[in-house]
Amino acid sequence: MKILLADDDEALRSALEELLRRAGHVVVGAANGTQALAKVSDTDVLVTDLRMPDLDGIALLREARSRRLGLEVIVMTGYGTIASAVEAMRLGARAYLTKPFDPDELLLHLREVDHTLALRAAAGAGRGDLVGTSPVMRRVYGDIDVAAGSDAPVLITGETGTGKELAARAIHQLSRRAAGPFVAINCGAIPQELVESELFGHEAGAFTGAGQRKRGRFAMARGGTLLLDEVNSLPLAMQPKLLRAIEAREIWPLGSEHAEASDVRIIAASNTRLDERVAAGQFREDLYYRLHVLHVNLPPLREHPEDIPQIVHAILARGVPSGVRHAISATALAQLLARGWQGNVRELANALERALARATAAAQSMGGGVPASGLTLGSEHLDAIPAGSAFLAYKQGRARAAEDWSRIAIRSALVRARGNTSEAARTLKMSRTALLRLINKYGMR
């Protein structure tokens, strides 16, 4: 791999450069953060000291990852603190090494990076079953890559139907735990009195009806990933027990006199804003911050309608039997693009499954089977757009197109200006205040 090594300690930098070259990597050294930033564009991995005279490691990490999406970063320091470690992980660092560290520890992290980059290359444009190449989805893929490179808890947010479990599975598949199990539990679908048993398990006789010992989801996910879906539905009385299990890395099955070690990576998903539930007293603040170390936010489909054609073809490819050619007419695709999709990708998938069943039935009724020419999904197979919604769809589509153009124009101007907002505002012929307002609105980094 191409490794950029930034450290103002010349002796240590030289020793690490020699170590990494012997391990087969291409290494470029930098004596400070400014030098490193100038070389980051052609780099797979940045290994940086935390304290440097001109640009510290945190500032370098933040700026480097904004310039090179998906850059892997390892931070090393002789002045480690919990606050700096948390900040580094939030900004996307894969590892945080405290000097002096064992060189083999650094090499181990680099081998994991190499494995992650290979998986990422194999994944292509999407991540797992998530597809789409719009700017908002590319940001999601960048956040997934960051989460996959760490073992810290992840909070995935997004409206119902946006693909939160698909994102969790993608993180698992790209992580060092990919060979372990992926276990999901829907916290909102379990009766409150059974949540503790489902999570931690129980011993025989722990309560009425517990005739035999049962393993909980934490035990089932040992060595892998546990997804706590709809974590916002977790009862308040259960939240401190979950917090302890995450922090102490141990669980207490109901009725047991001994704790069990827990080696599980936690991913939580919520379709509501947990910070608002914290403010309302419905979710513990300490648990929220423990889960919200890394964050992936899935956008609603209405924010990236340009991805609908790719999503449609991916769904059809999974729904049509192997070997059968399939297509969708331009009229049908236009009809799908005109809808609002309040249920997001899940609603789109359900609509396509219904249309596919109708198209298959129609084809079979004509000649006893699917024609050799394949299966074409037409507008006649789709549910009609509800009366009165076409004009709203046009207005929404026009607004979306204007916003997409605005995002692209601002991003291009910022790239050309190397992040200088004043220069970008002059290029766009708008005030810097208005530009900053839009940058904040669109969540640009």
Protein backbone atom coordinates (compact mmCIF):
# COMPACT_ATOMS: atom_id res chain seq x y z
CA MET A 1 0.00 0.00 0.00
CA LYS A 2 0.97 3.65 -0.32
CA ILE A 3 1.54 4.90 3.23
CA LEU A 4 2.05 8.52 4.27
CA LEU A 5 3.91 8.76 7.59
CA ALA A 6 3.70 12.12 9.41
CA ASP A 7 5.80 12.67 12.55
CA ASP A 8 8.08 15.52 13.64
CA ASP A 9 10.35 13.05 15.48
CA GLU A 10 12.90 12.34 12.74
CA ALA A 11 14.47 9.32 14.45
CA LEU A 12 11.14 7.58 15.04
CA ARG A 13 9.90 8.46 11.56
CA SER A 14 13.01 6.97 9.94
CA ALA A 15 12.71 3.79 12.00
CA LEU A 16 9.03 3.35 11.11
CA GLU A 17 9.70 4.08 7.43
CA GLU A 18 12.28 1.29 7.39
CA LEU A 19 9.89 -1.09 9.19
CA LEU A 20 7.06 -0.41 6.74
CA ARG A 21 9.28 -0.71 3.66
CA ARG A 22 10.52 -4.09 4.87
CA ALA A 23 6.88 -5.12 5.20
CA GLY A 24 6.46 -4.39 1.48
CA HIS A 25 4.77 -0.99 1.55
CA VAL A 26 5.58 2.19 -0.36
CA VAL A 27 6.29 4.86 2.27
CA VAL A 28 6.45 8.64 2.01
CA GLY A 29 7.55 10.64 5.06
CA ALA A 30 6.43 14.08 6.21
CA ALA A 31 8.03 16.12 9.00
CA ASN A 32 4.82 18.01 9.83
CA GLY A 33 1.11 18.21 9.10
CA THR A 34 1.43 20.79 6.32
CA GLN A 35 3.85 18.59 4.37
CA ALA A 36 1.56 15.60 4.88
CA LEU A 37 -1.50 17.46 3.65
CA ALA A 38 0.28 18.30 0.40
CA LYS A 39 0.96 14.59 -0.23
CA VAL A 40 -2.34 13.07 0.87
CA SER A 41 -3.97 12.94 -2.58
CA ASP A 42 -1.98 9.85 -3.65
CA THR A 43 -2.18 7.84 -0.42
CA ASP A 44 -3.96 4.70 0.80
CA VAL A 45 -3.14 5.09 4.49
CA LEU A 46 -2.13 8.05 6.65
CA VAL A 47 -0.15 7.23 9.82
CA THR A 48 0.17 10.43 11.82
CA ASP A 49 1.49 11.68 15.12
CA LEU A 50 -1.03 13.60 17.22
CA ARG A 51 1.20 16.48 18.36
CA MET A 52 3.05 18.36 15.63
CA PRO A 53 4.17 22.01 15.64
CA ASP A 54 2.20 23.48 12.72
CA LEU A 55 -0.86 21.29 12.12
CA ASP A 56 -1.76 18.73 14.77
CA GLY A 57 -2.90 15.20 13.99
CA ILE A 58 -6.60 15.84 14.62
CA ALA A 59 -6.66 18.85 12.27
CA LEU A 60 -4.66 16.86 9.69
CA LEU A 61 -7.06 13.91 10.02
CA ARG A 62 -10.12 16.15 9.54
CA GLU A 63 -8.72 17.96 6.50
CA ALA A 64 -7.14 14.89 4.90
CA ARG A 65 -10.37 12.88 5.02
CA SER A 66 -12.35 15.80 3.59
CA ARG A 67 -9.94 15.90 0.63
CA ARG A 68 -9.67 12.13 0.15
CA LEU A 69 -12.89 10.27 0.95
CA GLY A 70 -12.24 6.78 2.28
CA LEU A 71 -8.67 7.52 3.38
CA GLU A 72 -7.60 5.10 6.13
CA VAL A 73 -5.93 6.81 9.10
CA ILE A 74 -3.96 5.51 12.08
CA VAL A 75 -3.16 7.99 14.86
CA MET A 76 -0.17 7.56 17.20
CA THR A 77 0.75 9.72 20.18
CA GLY A 78 2.83 9.85 23.32
CA TYR A 79 0.18 11.99 25.04
CA GLY A 80 -2.91 9.83 24.79
CA THR A 81 -6.19 10.96 26.36
CA ILE A 82 -9.69 9.52 26.18
CA ALA A 83 -10.99 12.77 24.67
CA SER A 84 -8.45 12.80 21.83
CA ALA A 85 -9.03 9.08 21.16
CA VAL A 86 -12.80 9.58 20.92
CA GLU A 87 -12.36 12.61 18.64
CA ALA A 88 -9.96 10.70 16.38
CA MET A 89 -12.40 7.78 16.08
CA ARG A 90 -15.33 10.12 15.35
CA LEU A 91 -13.33 11.69 12.52
CA GLY A 92 -12.66 8.27 11.01
CA ALA A 93 -9.36 7.02 12.45
CA ARG A 94 -9.06 3.24 12.28
CA ALA A 95 -6.73 2.94 15.27
CA TYR A 96 -5.23 5.02 18.08
CA LEU A 97 -1.77 3.88 19.22
CA THR A 98 -0.11 5.19 22.36
CA LYS A 99 3.69 5.51 22.21
CA PRO A 100 5.70 3.48 22.84
CA PHE A 101 3.80 0.77 20.99
CA ASP A 102 4.78 -2.64 19.66
CA PRO A 103 5.63 -2.31 15.92
CA ASP A 104 3.74 -5.56 15.33
CA GLU A 105 0.58 -3.77 16.52
CA LEU A 106 0.98 -1.20 13.74
CA LEU A 107 1.63 -3.94 11.17
CA LEU A 108 -1.48 -5.81 12.34
CA HIS A 109 -3.65 -2.73 11.78
CA LEU A 110 -2.10 -2.25 8.34
CA ARG A 111 -2.88 -5.86 7.38
CA GLU A 112 -6.50 -5.20 8.36
CA VAL A 113 -6.48 -2.03 6.22
CA ASP A 114 -5.12 -4.04 3.27
CA HIS A 115 -7.94 -6.57 3.70
CA THR A 116 -10.54 -3.79 3.93
CA LEU A 117 -9.28 -2.08 0.77
CA ALA A 118 -9.46 -5.39 -1.10
CA LEU A 119 -13.06 -5.94 0.04
CA ARG A 120 -13.94 -2.36 -0.84
CA ALA A 121 -12.52 -2.78 -4.34
CA ALA A 122 -14.51 -5.98 -4.79
CA ALA A 123 -17.69 -4.21 -3.63
CA GLY A 124 -17.48 -1.80 -6.56
CA ALA A 125 -19.72 1.27 -6.65
CA GLY A 126 -22.11 0.15 -3.89
CA ARG A 127 -21.75 -1.37 -0.44
CA GLY A 128 -23.31 -4.78 0.07
CA ASP A 129 -26.91 -4.59 -1.20
CA LEU A 130 -26.92 -0.77 -1.08
CA VAL A 131 -26.73 0.72 -4.58
CA GLY A 132 -26.60 4.23 -6.00
CA THR A 133 -23.89 6.61 -7.14
CA SER A 134 -25.40 9.97 -6.14
CA PRO A 135 -23.32 12.35 -3.99
CA VAL A 136 -25.42 11.58 -0.89
CA MET A 137 -24.93 7.82 -1.31
CA ARG A 138 -21.19 8.25 -1.88
CA ARG A 139 -21.05 10.04 1.48
CA VAL A 140 -22.92 7.10 3.04
CA TYR A 141 -20.36 4.68 1.56
CA GLY A 142 -17.56 6.79 3.03
CA ASP A 143 -19.17 6.62 6.48
CA ILE A 144 -19.66 2.85 6.10
CA ASP A 145 -15.98 2.43 5.22
CA VAL A 146 -14.98 4.41 8.32
CA ALA A 147 -17.23 2.28 10.51
CA ALA A 148 -15.95 -0.94 8.96
CA GLY A 149 -12.38 0.02 9.80
CA SER A 150 -13.14 0.39 13.50
CA ASP A 151 -14.58 -1.78 16.26
CA ALA A 152 -16.34 1.16 17.94
CA PRO A 153 -20.16 1.24 18.30
CA VAL A 154 -22.09 2.66 15.35
CA LEU A 155 -25.43 4.44 15.29
CA ILE A 156 -27.32 4.13 11.99
CA THR A 157 -30.20 6.56 11.53
CA GLY A 158 -32.73 7.09 8.79
CA GLU A 159 -36.41 6.90 7.98
CA THR A 160 -38.20 3.57 7.82
CA GLY A 161 -37.35 1.74 4.60
CA THR A 162 -34.04 3.49 3.83
CA GLY A 163 -31.92 0.34 4.31
CA LYS A 164 -30.48 0.61 7.81
CA GLU A 165 -30.03 -3.17 8.18
CA LEU A 166 -28.38 -3.32 4.74
CA ALA A 167 -25.91 -0.67 5.90
CA ALA A 168 -25.23 -2.65 9.10
CA ARG A 169 -24.58 -5.81 7.09
CA ALA A 170 -22.24 -3.90 4.76
CA ILE A 171 -20.26 -2.63 7.77
CA HIS A 172 -20.01 -6.18 9.11
CA GLN A 173 -18.97 -7.65 5.74
CA LEU A 174 -16.19 -5.06 5.33
CA SER A 175 -14.92 -5.34 8.92
CA ARG A 176 -12.39 -7.64 10.53
CA ARG A 177 -15.35 -9.51 12.05
CA ALA A 178 -16.73 -10.56 8.65
CA ALA A 179 -16.00 -14.24 9.36
CA GLY A 180 -18.07 -14.06 12.56
CA PRO A 181 -21.86 -14.10 12.87
CA PHE A 182 -24.15 -11.17 12.09
CA VAL A 183 -27.08 -11.22 14.53
CA ALA A 184 -29.98 -8.74 14.42
CA ILE A 185 -32.66 -8.14 17.02
CA ASN A 186 -35.63 -5.78 16.67
CA CYS A 187 -35.97 -4.13 20.07
CA GLY A 188 -39.43 -2.85 19.21
CA ALA A 189 -40.84 -6.30 18.39
CA ILE A 190 -40.11 -7.97 21.76
CA PRO A 191 -42.42 -7.76 24.80
CA GLN A 192 -40.75 -5.62 27.48
CA GLU A 193 -40.62 -8.45 30.02
CA LEU A 194 -38.63 -10.64 27.57
CA VAL A 195 -36.06 -8.11 26.33
CA GLU A 196 -33.41 -8.96 28.94
CA SER A 197 -33.71 -12.69 28.28
CA GLU A 198 -33.53 -12.17 24.50
CA LEU A 199 -30.39 -10.04 24.81
CA PHE A 200 -28.48 -11.82 27.58
CA GLY A 201 -30.10 -15.27 27.81
CA HIS A 202 -31.25 -17.08 30.93
CA GLU A 203 -30.58 -20.15 33.06
CA ALA A 204 -33.10 -22.95 33.54
CA GLY A 205 -35.57 -21.95 36.23
CA ALA A 206 -34.68 -18.24 36.08
CA PHE A 207 -38.38 -17.40 35.84
CA THR A 208 -41.70 -19.12 35.37
CA GLY A 209 -41.66 -21.00 32.09
CA ALA A 210 -37.83 -21.06 31.75
CA GLY A 211 -37.52 -24.82 31.54
CA GLN A 212 -34.06 -24.87 29.99
CA ARG A 213 -31.02 -22.69 29.49
CA LYS A 214 -31.20 -20.22 26.60
CA ARG A 215 -28.44 -18.28 24.87
CA GLY A 216 -29.11 -14.58 24.26
CA ARG A 217 -28.27 -12.54 21.17
CA PHE A 218 -25.02 -11.27 22.74
CA ALA A 219 -23.81 -14.88 23.06
CA MET A 220 -25.01 -15.77 19.55
CA ALA A 221 -23.07 -12.82 18.07
CA ARG A 222 -19.79 -13.63 19.89
CA GLY A 223 -16.87 -12.80 17.59
CA GLY A 224 -19.17 -10.95 15.21
CA THR A 225 -21.66 -8.09 15.05
CA LEU A 226 -24.91 -7.47 16.93
CA LEU A 227 -27.46 -5.12 15.37
CA LEU A 228 -29.88 -3.53 17.84
CA ASP A 229 -32.59 -2.44 15.43
CA GLU A 230 -35.15 0.14 16.62
CA VAL A 231 -32.99 0.73 19.69
CA ASN A 232 -35.18 3.77 20.35
CA SER A 233 -37.87 1.29 21.51
CA LEU A 234 -35.67 -0.22 24.24
CA PRO A 235 -37.40 0.09 27.67
CA LEU A 236 -35.80 2.64 30.01
CA ALA A 237 -35.32 0.00 32.72
CA MET A 238 -33.26 -2.10 30.29
CA GLN A 239 -30.99 0.68 29.09
CA PRO A 240 -28.51 0.76 32.04
CA LYS A 241 -28.03 -3.03 31.71
CA LEU A 242 -27.24 -2.65 28.02
CA LEU A 243 -24.84 0.21 28.81
CA ARG A 244 -22.97 -1.98 31.32
CA ALA A 245 -22.79 -4.88 28.86
CA ILE A 246 -21.20 -2.61 26.25
CA GLU A 247 -18.76 -0.86 28.58
CA ALA A 248 -17.72 -3.88 30.69
CA ARG A 249 -17.78 -6.27 27.72
CA GLU A 250 -19.59 -8.85 29.82
CA ILE A 251 -23.17 -10.07 30.23
CA TRP A 252 -25.15 -11.56 33.11
CA PRO A 253 -27.71 -14.12 31.90
CA LEU A 254 -30.90 -14.09 33.97
CA GLY A 255 -30.56 -16.43 36.93
CA SER A 256 -26.80 -16.85 36.52
CA GLU A 257 -24.29 -16.29 39.33
CA HIS A 258 -21.43 -15.62 36.94
CA ALA A 259 -20.76 -13.05 34.25
CA GLU A 260 -19.81 -14.14 30.72
CA ALA A 261 -17.22 -12.33 28.60
CA SER A 262 -18.75 -10.62 25.57
CA ASP A 263 -16.77 -10.11 22.35
CA VAL A 264 -19.35 -8.32 20.21
CA ARG A 265 -19.32 -5.28 17.93
CA ILE A 266 -22.46 -3.20 18.56
CA ILE A 267 -24.40 -1.46 15.79
CA ALA A 268 -27.62 0.33 16.78
CA ALA A 269 -30.29 1.56 14.37
CA SER A 270 -33.05 4.08 14.96
CA ASN A 271 -35.79 5.57 12.78
CA THR A 272 -36.23 8.49 15.21
CA ARG A 273 -33.77 11.07 16.51
CA LEU A 274 -32.27 9.70 19.71
CA ASP A 275 -31.05 13.13 20.84
CA GLU A 276 -34.69 14.30 20.88
CA ARG A 277 -35.69 11.23 22.91
CA VAL A 278 -32.85 12.02 25.33
CA ALA A 279 -34.16 15.57 25.73
CA ALA A 280 -37.66 14.17 26.36
CA GLY A 281 -36.34 11.82 29.06
CA GLN A 282 -37.18 8.72 26.99
CA PHE A 283 -33.61 7.56 26.37
CA ARG A 284 -30.56 7.61 28.64
CA GLU A 285 -28.00 10.23 27.68
CA ASP A 286 -25.01 8.07 28.68
CA LEU A 287 -26.23 5.18 26.52
CA TYR A 288 -26.86 7.55 23.61
CA TYR A 289 -23.27 8.83 23.67
CA ARG A 290 -21.94 5.27 24.06
CA LEU A 291 -23.80 4.15 20.94
CA HIS A 292 -23.14 7.35 18.98
CA VAL A 293 -19.37 6.96 18.59
CA LEU A 294 -19.60 6.56 14.81
CA HIS A 295 -22.62 7.61 12.77
CA VAL A 296 -24.14 6.57 9.44
CA ASN A 297 -27.23 8.43 8.23
CA LEU A 298 -29.29 6.88 5.43
CA PRO A 299 -30.98 9.56 3.28
CA PRO A 300 -34.66 9.25 2.26
CA LEU A 301 -35.18 8.24 -1.36
CA ARG A 302 -36.65 11.66 -2.21
CA GLU A 303 -33.19 13.18 -1.58
CA HIS A 304 -31.48 11.05 -4.25
CA PRO A 305 -34.09 10.22 -6.93
CA GLU A 306 -31.28 9.99 -9.50
CA ASP A 307 -30.44 6.59 -7.95
CA ILE A 308 -33.92 5.14 -8.63
CA PRO A 309 -33.00 3.58 -12.03
CA GLN A 310 -30.04 1.71 -10.47
CA ILE A 311 -32.13 0.61 -7.48
CA VAL A 312 -34.93 -0.59 -9.78
CA HIS A 313 -32.57 -2.71 -11.90
CA ALA A 314 -30.92 -4.17 -8.77
CA ILE A 315 -34.33 -5.14 -7.31
CA LEU A 316 -35.49 -6.64 -10.62
CA ALA A 317 -32.27 -8.64 -10.94
CA ARG A 318 -32.95 -10.22 -7.54
CA GLY A 319 -36.64 -10.87 -8.29
CA VAL A 320 -36.38 -12.44 -11.76
CA PRO A 321 -35.33 -16.13 -12.01
CA SER A 322 -31.75 -16.74 -13.10
CA GLY A 323 -31.31 -16.86 -16.88
CA VAL A 324 -34.48 -14.88 -17.66
CA ARG A 325 -33.88 -11.57 -19.38
CA HIS A 326 -35.68 -8.62 -17.81
CA ALA A 327 -36.21 -4.94 -18.56
CA ILE A 328 -38.40 -2.01 -17.60
CA SER A 329 -40.03 0.32 -20.11
CA ALA A 330 -39.09 3.99 -20.21
CA THR A 331 -42.70 4.93 -19.44
CA ALA A 332 -42.79 2.70 -16.37
CA LEU A 333 -39.45 4.06 -15.16
CA ALA A 334 -40.70 7.63 -15.61
CA GLN A 335 -43.79 6.71 -13.56
CA LEU A 336 -41.55 5.42 -10.75
CA LEU A 337 -39.46 8.59 -10.84
CA ALA A 338 -42.60 10.72 -10.51
CA ARG A 339 -43.65 9.23 -7.19
CA GLY A 340 -42.86 10.57 -3.73
CA TRP A 341 -41.91 7.22 -2.11
CA GLN A 342 -42.67 8.14 1.48
CA GLY A 343 -41.85 4.53 2.38
CA ASN A 344 -38.45 4.90 0.67
CA VAL A 345 -36.65 1.93 -0.92
CA ARG A 346 -38.83 -0.61 0.90
CA GLU A 347 -41.97 0.89 -0.64
CA LEU A 348 -40.28 0.93 -4.06
CA ALA A 349 -39.28 -2.73 -3.69
CA ASN A 350 -42.82 -3.73 -2.71
CA ALA A 351 -44.27 -1.89 -5.70
CA LEU A 352 -41.81 -3.63 -8.04
CA GLU A 353 -42.57 -7.05 -6.56
CA ARG A 354 -46.29 -6.53 -7.18
CA ALA A 355 -45.64 -5.32 -10.72
CA LEU A 356 -43.28 -8.24 -11.37
CA ALA A 357 -45.93 -10.73 -10.24
CA ARG A 358 -48.50 -9.11 -12.56
CA ALA A 359 -46.07 -9.06 -15.50
CA THR A 360 -45.13 -12.71 -14.96
CA ALA A 361 -48.79 -13.76 -14.73
CA ALA A 362 -49.62 -11.80 -17.89
CA ALA A 363 -46.70 -13.37 -19.80
CA GLN A 364 -47.65 -16.89 -18.69
CA SER A 365 -51.29 -16.40 -19.63
CA MET A 366 -50.25 -15.57 -23.18
CA GLY A 367 -48.15 -18.63 -23.90
CA GLY A 368 -47.80 -20.82 -20.85
CA GLY A 369 -44.50 -19.36 -19.74
CA VAL A 370 -42.09 -16.43 -19.87
CA PRO A 371 -41.31 -15.61 -23.54
CA ALA A 372 -37.79 -16.20 -24.88
CA SER A 373 -37.46 -12.45 -25.42
CA GLY A 374 -37.60 -12.01 -21.65
CA LEU A 375 -39.84 -10.14 -19.22
CA THR A 376 -40.56 -6.44 -19.65
CA LEU A 377 -42.14 -4.47 -16.85
CA GLY A 378 -44.50 -1.85 -18.28
CA SER A 379 -46.52 1.00 -16.82
CA GLU A 380 -49.65 -1.18 -17.05
CA HIS A 381 -48.18 -3.44 -14.34
CA LEU A 382 -47.69 -0.61 -11.84
CA ASP A 383 -50.21 0.82 -9.41
CA ALA A 384 -51.61 4.10 -10.69
CA ILE A 385 -50.36 7.35 -9.21
CA PRO A 386 -53.05 8.57 -6.76
CA ALA A 387 -55.33 11.27 -8.17
CA GLY A 388 -54.07 14.81 -7.65
CA SER A 389 -50.49 13.77 -6.99
CA ALA A 390 -49.01 14.33 -10.46
CA PHE A 391 -48.81 18.12 -10.10
CA LEU A 392 -47.22 17.78 -6.66
CA ALA A 393 -44.75 15.27 -8.11
CA TYR A 394 -43.80 17.81 -10.80
CA LYS A 395 -43.27 20.57 -8.23
CA GLN A 396 -41.26 18.25 -6.01
CA GLY A 397 -39.20 17.05 -8.97
CA ARG A 398 -38.42 20.62 -10.01
CA ALA A 399 -37.35 21.47 -6.45
CA ARG A 400 -35.18 18.36 -6.27
CA ALA A 401 -33.52 19.14 -9.59
CA ALA A 402 -32.75 22.69 -8.42
CA GLU A 403 -31.31 21.40 -5.15
CA ASP A 404 -29.20 18.75 -6.92
CA TRP A 405 -27.79 21.44 -9.23
CA SER A 406 -27.08 23.66 -6.21
CA ARG A 407 -25.22 20.85 -4.39
CA ILE A 408 -23.09 20.05 -7.45
CA ALA A 409 -22.28 23.71 -8.15
CA ILE A 410 -21.27 24.42 -4.55
CA ARG A 411 -19.19 21.26 -4.25
CA SER A 412 -17.38 22.02 -7.54
CA ALA A 413 -16.67 25.60 -6.46
CA LEU A 414 -15.33 24.44 -3.08
CA VAL A 415 -13.08 21.83 -4.68
CA ARG A 416 -11.75 24.39 -7.15
CA ALA A 417 -11.15 26.86 -4.28
CA ARG A 418 -9.54 24.13 -2.12
CA GLY A 419 -12.11 24.71 0.61
CA ASN A 420 -11.75 28.52 0.69
CA THR A 421 -15.37 29.62 1.14
CA SER A 422 -14.71 33.28 0.29
CA GLU A 423 -13.15 32.32 -3.06
CA ALA A 424 -15.94 29.80 -3.75
CA ALA A 425 -18.57 32.49 -3.04
CA ARG A 426 -16.89 34.83 -5.55
CA THR A 427 -16.89 32.06 -8.17
CA LEU A 428 -20.61 31.44 -7.58
CA LYS A 429 -21.34 35.20 -7.47
CA MET A 430 -23.11 34.97 -4.11
CA SER A 431 -22.42 36.21 -0.60
CA ARG A 432 -20.22 34.13 1.69
CA THR A 433 -23.01 34.16 4.32
CA ALA A 434 -25.49 32.64 1.85
CA LEU A 435 -22.91 30.03 0.79
CA LEU A 436 -22.21 29.03 4.40
CA ARG A 437 -25.95 28.71 5.02
CA LEU A 438 -26.29 26.30 2.09
CA ILE A 439 -23.17 24.34 3.08
CA ASN A 440 -24.71 23.85 6.52
CA LYS A 441 -28.12 22.97 5.03
CA TYR A 442 -26.66 20.29 2.75
CA GLY A 443 -24.40 18.88 5.48
CA MET A 444 -21.23 19.35 3.41
CA ARG A 445 -17.92 18.76 5.15
